Amino acid sequence: MKATSKNIGISSKKLKPYIDLVRNKNINEALILLRYQKSPAAFEIHKTIESAIANAKDLSIPGVDNMKIDEIYANQGATLKRWRAKARGRPGTFNHPTSHIVVKLSQ
């Protein structure tokens, strides 16, 4: 079963430590680990895993509680280009990165 979250307002670099934390774990273990992390990145990954579980239940796949995270990764999404005031009233640019999270579950 698969779930994807697109255009998350967090860079993939900030998501990767939490993704490595739950890779190849049972879904119950992974959800417990992510629930008690204080990072917004962990919250977004938690939501994506719950979405994959809901997709599996919707398709009536047996043994949903015994599934594990087979594949999980974060890719770079679209970069939002923004402006902010700099010295002497000139505009300064900065990039706001986004990312896509993909979770695949297996028996």
C-alpha atoms as a PDB file:
ATOM      1  CA  MET A   1       0.000   0.000   0.000  1.00  0.00           C
ATOM      2  CA  LYS A   2       1.253   3.474  -0.848  1.00  0.00           C
ATOM      3  CA  ALA A   3       0.649   7.046   0.292  1.00  0.00           C
ATOM      4  CA  THR A   4       2.155  10.320  -0.902  1.00  0.00           C
ATOM      5  CA  SER A   5       2.179  13.784   0.659  1.00  0.00           C
ATOM      6  CA  LYS A   6       3.088  16.513  -1.792  1.00  0.00           C
ATOM      7  CA  ASN A   7       4.359  20.066  -1.357  1.00  0.00           C
ATOM      8  CA  ILE A   8       5.112  19.812   2.355  1.00  0.00           C
ATOM      9  CA  GLY A   9       6.552  23.116   3.558  1.00  0.00           C
ATOM     10  CA  ILE A  10       9.660  21.460   5.030  1.00  0.00           C
ATOM     11  CA  SER A  11      12.875  20.712   3.165  1.00  0.00           C
ATOM     12  CA  SER A  12      13.774  17.090   2.470  1.00  0.00           C
ATOM     13  CA  LYS A  13      17.039  17.623   4.354  1.00  0.00           C
ATOM     14  CA  LYS A  14      15.080  18.242   7.575  1.00  0.00           C
ATOM     15  CA  LEU A  15      12.800  15.243   6.954  1.00  0.00           C
ATOM     16  CA  LYS A  16      15.551  12.671   6.354  1.00  0.00           C
ATOM     17  CA  PRO A  17      16.656  12.078   9.999  1.00  0.00           C
ATOM     18  CA  TYR A  18      13.075  11.168  10.958  1.00  0.00           C
ATOM     19  CA  ILE A  19      12.651   9.028   7.854  1.00  0.00           C
ATOM     20  CA  ASP A  20      15.797   7.086   8.756  1.00  0.00           C
ATOM     21  CA  LEU A  21      14.376   6.622  12.272  1.00  0.00           C
ATOM     22  CA  VAL A  22      11.321   4.680  11.030  1.00  0.00           C
ATOM     23  CA  ARG A  23      12.659   2.892   7.933  1.00  0.00           C
ATOM     24  CA  ASN A  24      12.009  -0.926   7.992  1.00  0.00           C
ATOM     25  CA  LYS A  25      10.011  -0.727  11.236  1.00  0.00           C
ATOM     26  CA  ASN A  26       6.590  -2.099  12.089  1.00  0.00           C
ATOM     27  CA  ILE A  27       3.917   0.574  11.568  1.00  0.00           C
ATOM     28  CA  ASN A  28       2.901   0.558  15.244  1.00  0.00           C
ATOM     29  CA  GLU A  29       6.523   1.088  16.330  1.00  0.00           C
ATOM     30  CA  ALA A  30       7.014   3.853  13.781  1.00  0.00           C
ATOM     31  CA  LEU A  31       3.874   5.725  14.833  1.00  0.00           C
ATOM     32  CA  ILE A  32       4.891   5.598  18.497  1.00  0.00           C
ATOM     33  CA  LEU A  33       8.404   6.847  17.687  1.00  0.00           C
ATOM     34  CA  LEU A  34       7.078   9.757  15.635  1.00  0.00           C
ATOM     35  CA  ARG A  35       4.275  10.700  18.019  1.00  0.00           C
ATOM     36  CA  TYR A  36       6.687  11.793  20.758  1.00  0.00           C
ATOM     37  CA  GLN A  37       9.060  13.778  18.550  1.00  0.00           C
ATOM     38  CA  LYS A  38       8.617  17.547  18.826  1.00  0.00           C
ATOM     39  CA  SER A  39       9.480  18.308  15.211  1.00  0.00           C
ATOM     40  CA  PRO A  40       6.937  19.383  12.585  1.00  0.00           C
ATOM     41  CA  ALA A  41       8.792  17.045  10.211  1.00  0.00           C
ATOM     42  CA  ALA A  42       7.892  14.050  12.391  1.00  0.00           C
ATOM     43  CA  PHE A  43       4.254  15.173  12.419  1.00  0.00           C
ATOM     44  CA  GLU A  44       4.105  15.268   8.602  1.00  0.00           C
ATOM     45  CA  ILE A  45       5.685  11.806   8.300  1.00  0.00           C
ATOM     46  CA  HIS A  46       3.246  10.497  10.941  1.00  0.00           C
ATOM     47  CA  LYS A  47       0.310  11.818   8.892  1.00  0.00           C
ATOM     48  CA  THR A  48       1.606  10.177   5.711  1.00  0.00           C
ATOM     49  CA  ILE A  49       2.033   6.788   7.408  1.00  0.00           C
ATOM     50  CA  GLU A  50      -1.499   7.036   8.808  1.00  0.00           C
ATOM     51  CA  SER A  51      -2.737   7.812   5.294  1.00  0.00           C
ATOM     52  CA  ALA A  52      -1.045   4.659   3.943  1.00  0.00           C
ATOM     53  CA  ILE A  53      -2.701   2.614   6.726  1.00  0.00           C
ATOM     54  CA  ALA A  54      -6.097   4.132   5.855  1.00  0.00           C
ATOM     55  CA  ASN A  55      -5.534   3.268   2.179  1.00  0.00           C
ATOM     56  CA  ALA A  56      -4.794  -0.353   3.148  1.00  0.00           C
ATOM     57  CA  LYS A  57      -7.943  -0.556   5.293  1.00  0.00           C
ATOM     58  CA  ASP A  58     -10.013   0.984   2.509  1.00  0.00           C
ATOM     59  CA  LEU A  59      -8.910  -1.781   0.129  1.00  0.00           C
ATOM     60  CA  SER A  60      -9.708  -4.421   2.813  1.00  0.00           C
ATOM     61  CA  ILE A  61      -6.169  -5.787   2.903  1.00  0.00           C
ATOM     62  CA  PRO A  62      -5.925  -8.422   5.677  1.00  0.00           C
ATOM     63  CA  GLY A  63      -3.346  -8.062   8.456  1.00  0.00           C
ATOM     64  CA  VAL A  64      -3.024  -4.288   8.370  1.00  0.00           C
ATOM     65  CA  ASP A  65      -1.712  -4.245  11.968  1.00  0.00           C
ATOM     66  CA  ASN A  66       1.220  -6.496  11.027  1.00  0.00           C
ATOM     67  CA  MET A  67       2.448  -4.355   8.126  1.00  0.00           C
ATOM     68  CA  LYS A  68       5.876  -2.739   8.076  1.00  0.00           C
ATOM     69  CA  ILE A  69       7.321   0.234   6.269  1.00  0.00           C
ATOM     70  CA  ASP A  70       8.919  -1.249   3.177  1.00  0.00           C
ATOM     71  CA  GLU A  71      10.005   1.978   1.514  1.00  0.00           C
ATOM     72  CA  ILE A  72       9.965   5.587   2.695  1.00  0.00           C
ATOM     73  CA  TYR A  73      11.692   8.598   1.194  1.00  0.00           C
ATOM     74  CA  ALA A  74      11.437  12.357   0.737  1.00  0.00           C
ATOM     75  CA  ASN A  75      12.121  14.089  -2.572  1.00  0.00           C
ATOM     76  CA  GLN A  76      12.627  17.753  -3.287  1.00  0.00           C
ATOM     77  CA  GLY A  77       9.451  19.549  -4.338  1.00  0.00           C
ATOM     78  CA  ALA A  78       8.895  22.909  -5.971  1.00  0.00           C
ATOM     79  CA  THR A  79      10.961  25.769  -4.564  1.00  0.00           C
ATOM     80  CA  LEU A  80       8.993  28.891  -3.688  1.00  0.00           C
ATOM     81  CA  LYS A  81      10.926  32.039  -4.561  1.00  0.00           C
ATOM     82  CA  ARG A  82      10.235  34.890  -2.161  1.00  0.00           C
ATOM     83  CA  TRP A  83      11.363  38.495  -1.575  1.00  0.00           C
ATOM     84  CA  ARG A  84      12.384  40.204   1.666  1.00  0.00           C
ATOM     85  CA  ALA A  85      13.589  43.751   2.316  1.00  0.00           C
ATOM     86  CA  LYS A  86      17.378  44.150   2.524  1.00  0.00           C
ATOM     87  CA  ALA A  87      19.699  47.068   3.156  1.00  0.00           C
ATOM     88  CA  ARG A  88      18.902  50.476   1.620  1.00  0.00           C
ATOM     89  CA  GLY A  89      15.378  49.363   0.668  1.00  0.00           C
ATOM     90  CA  ARG A  90      16.503  46.850  -1.912  1.00  0.00           C
ATOM     91  CA  PRO A  91      14.775  43.518  -2.381  1.00  0.00           C
ATOM     92  CA  GLY A  92      16.608  40.346  -1.419  1.00  0.00           C
ATOM     93  CA  THR A  93      15.549  36.942  -2.647  1.00  0.00           C
ATOM     94  CA  PHE A  94      15.346  33.724  -0.671  1.00  0.00           C
ATOM     95  CA  ASN A  95      14.096  30.277  -1.576  1.00  0.00           C
ATOM     96  CA  HIS A  96      11.527  28.388   0.502  1.00  0.00           C
ATOM     97  CA  PRO A  97      12.007  24.642  -0.186  1.00  0.00           C
ATOM     98  CA  THR A  98       9.190  22.107  -0.243  1.00  0.00           C
ATOM     99  CA  SER A  99       9.240  18.314  -0.445  1.00  0.00           C
ATOM    100  CA  HIS A 100       7.234  15.202  -1.276  1.00  0.00           C
ATOM    101  CA  ILE A 101       6.996  12.231   1.136  1.00  0.00           C
ATOM    102  CA  VAL A 102       6.338   8.713  -0.202  1.00  0.00           C
ATOM    103  CA  VAL A 103       5.513   5.746   2.065  1.00  0.00           C
ATOM    104  CA  LYS A 104       5.079   2.143   0.872  1.00  0.00           C
ATOM    105  CA  LEU A 105       3.858  -0.560   3.258  1.00  0.00           C
ATOM    106  CA  SER A 106       4.237  -4.316   2.913  1.00  0.00           C
ATOM    107  CA  GLN A 107       3.142  -7.424   4.812  1.00  0.00           C
END
